[in-house]
Amino acid sequence: MSHRIKLDTGAAKGRAQCQVPIFRASAVVLDFGVFAGSLPQVWTGITSVTLRVRAARLAPVVLIEQVVTSFSNCTAAQWAAGAHEHFSVALTAAQTALSMSAKVDTLHATLSALRADGGVEVLGWFELVMHDANALPGTVAETVGPGLTVAEGDTRYVRGVLSADRFTFPNGAFIYLDR
């Protein structure tokens, strides 16, 4: 599973910029584009970016921590075309195999950049909406989105049509994709 996430460093710091659905105990790749308004950030003077995931925004315990040291510059057109990103964070199934308090848990994810001068800059934060990965075949742990019922399948397999900008369920409901 892969998600493209556009973070705006100029956005209000007190709110999540997006919600990203993931499944427990499943590998996921998060591709990031970091912008200041409509202008992509230039990646000079940054030595690393750290993704930290907590159960809540101010929770002291870090559940997942991943450091990225490989970046590339990306134009707004490349990002919009889905052809390029500033950096990617790959989470393994072992990293996302967290114990859950419900069939759906919302986790707090923060991205911070370490500058070459030693300073730290918070790039933004977002929510990871973790769904139970449906450990036993044939059982439905959670109905994800409209149009998915027990008769149609479990949460690992979603029937529908994927087009350039959306995923359409059999009942006509759809989800826009950020590509």
Foldseek 3Di string as FASTA:
>chain_A
DEAEDEFAQQDDQPDAPEEAEDEALAKYKYFYFFHNVLFTDDDDQWQKKKKFKALDDPDPDTLDIDIDGDFDGDGSVCQQVVNDGGDMDIDHSVSRNDDDPAQKGKMKMWMWTQGNVRDIGTRHIHIYIYGHNCPDALDASDDDDPQDDSVNGHPVDADFDDDDFWTAHPVGDIDGGRD
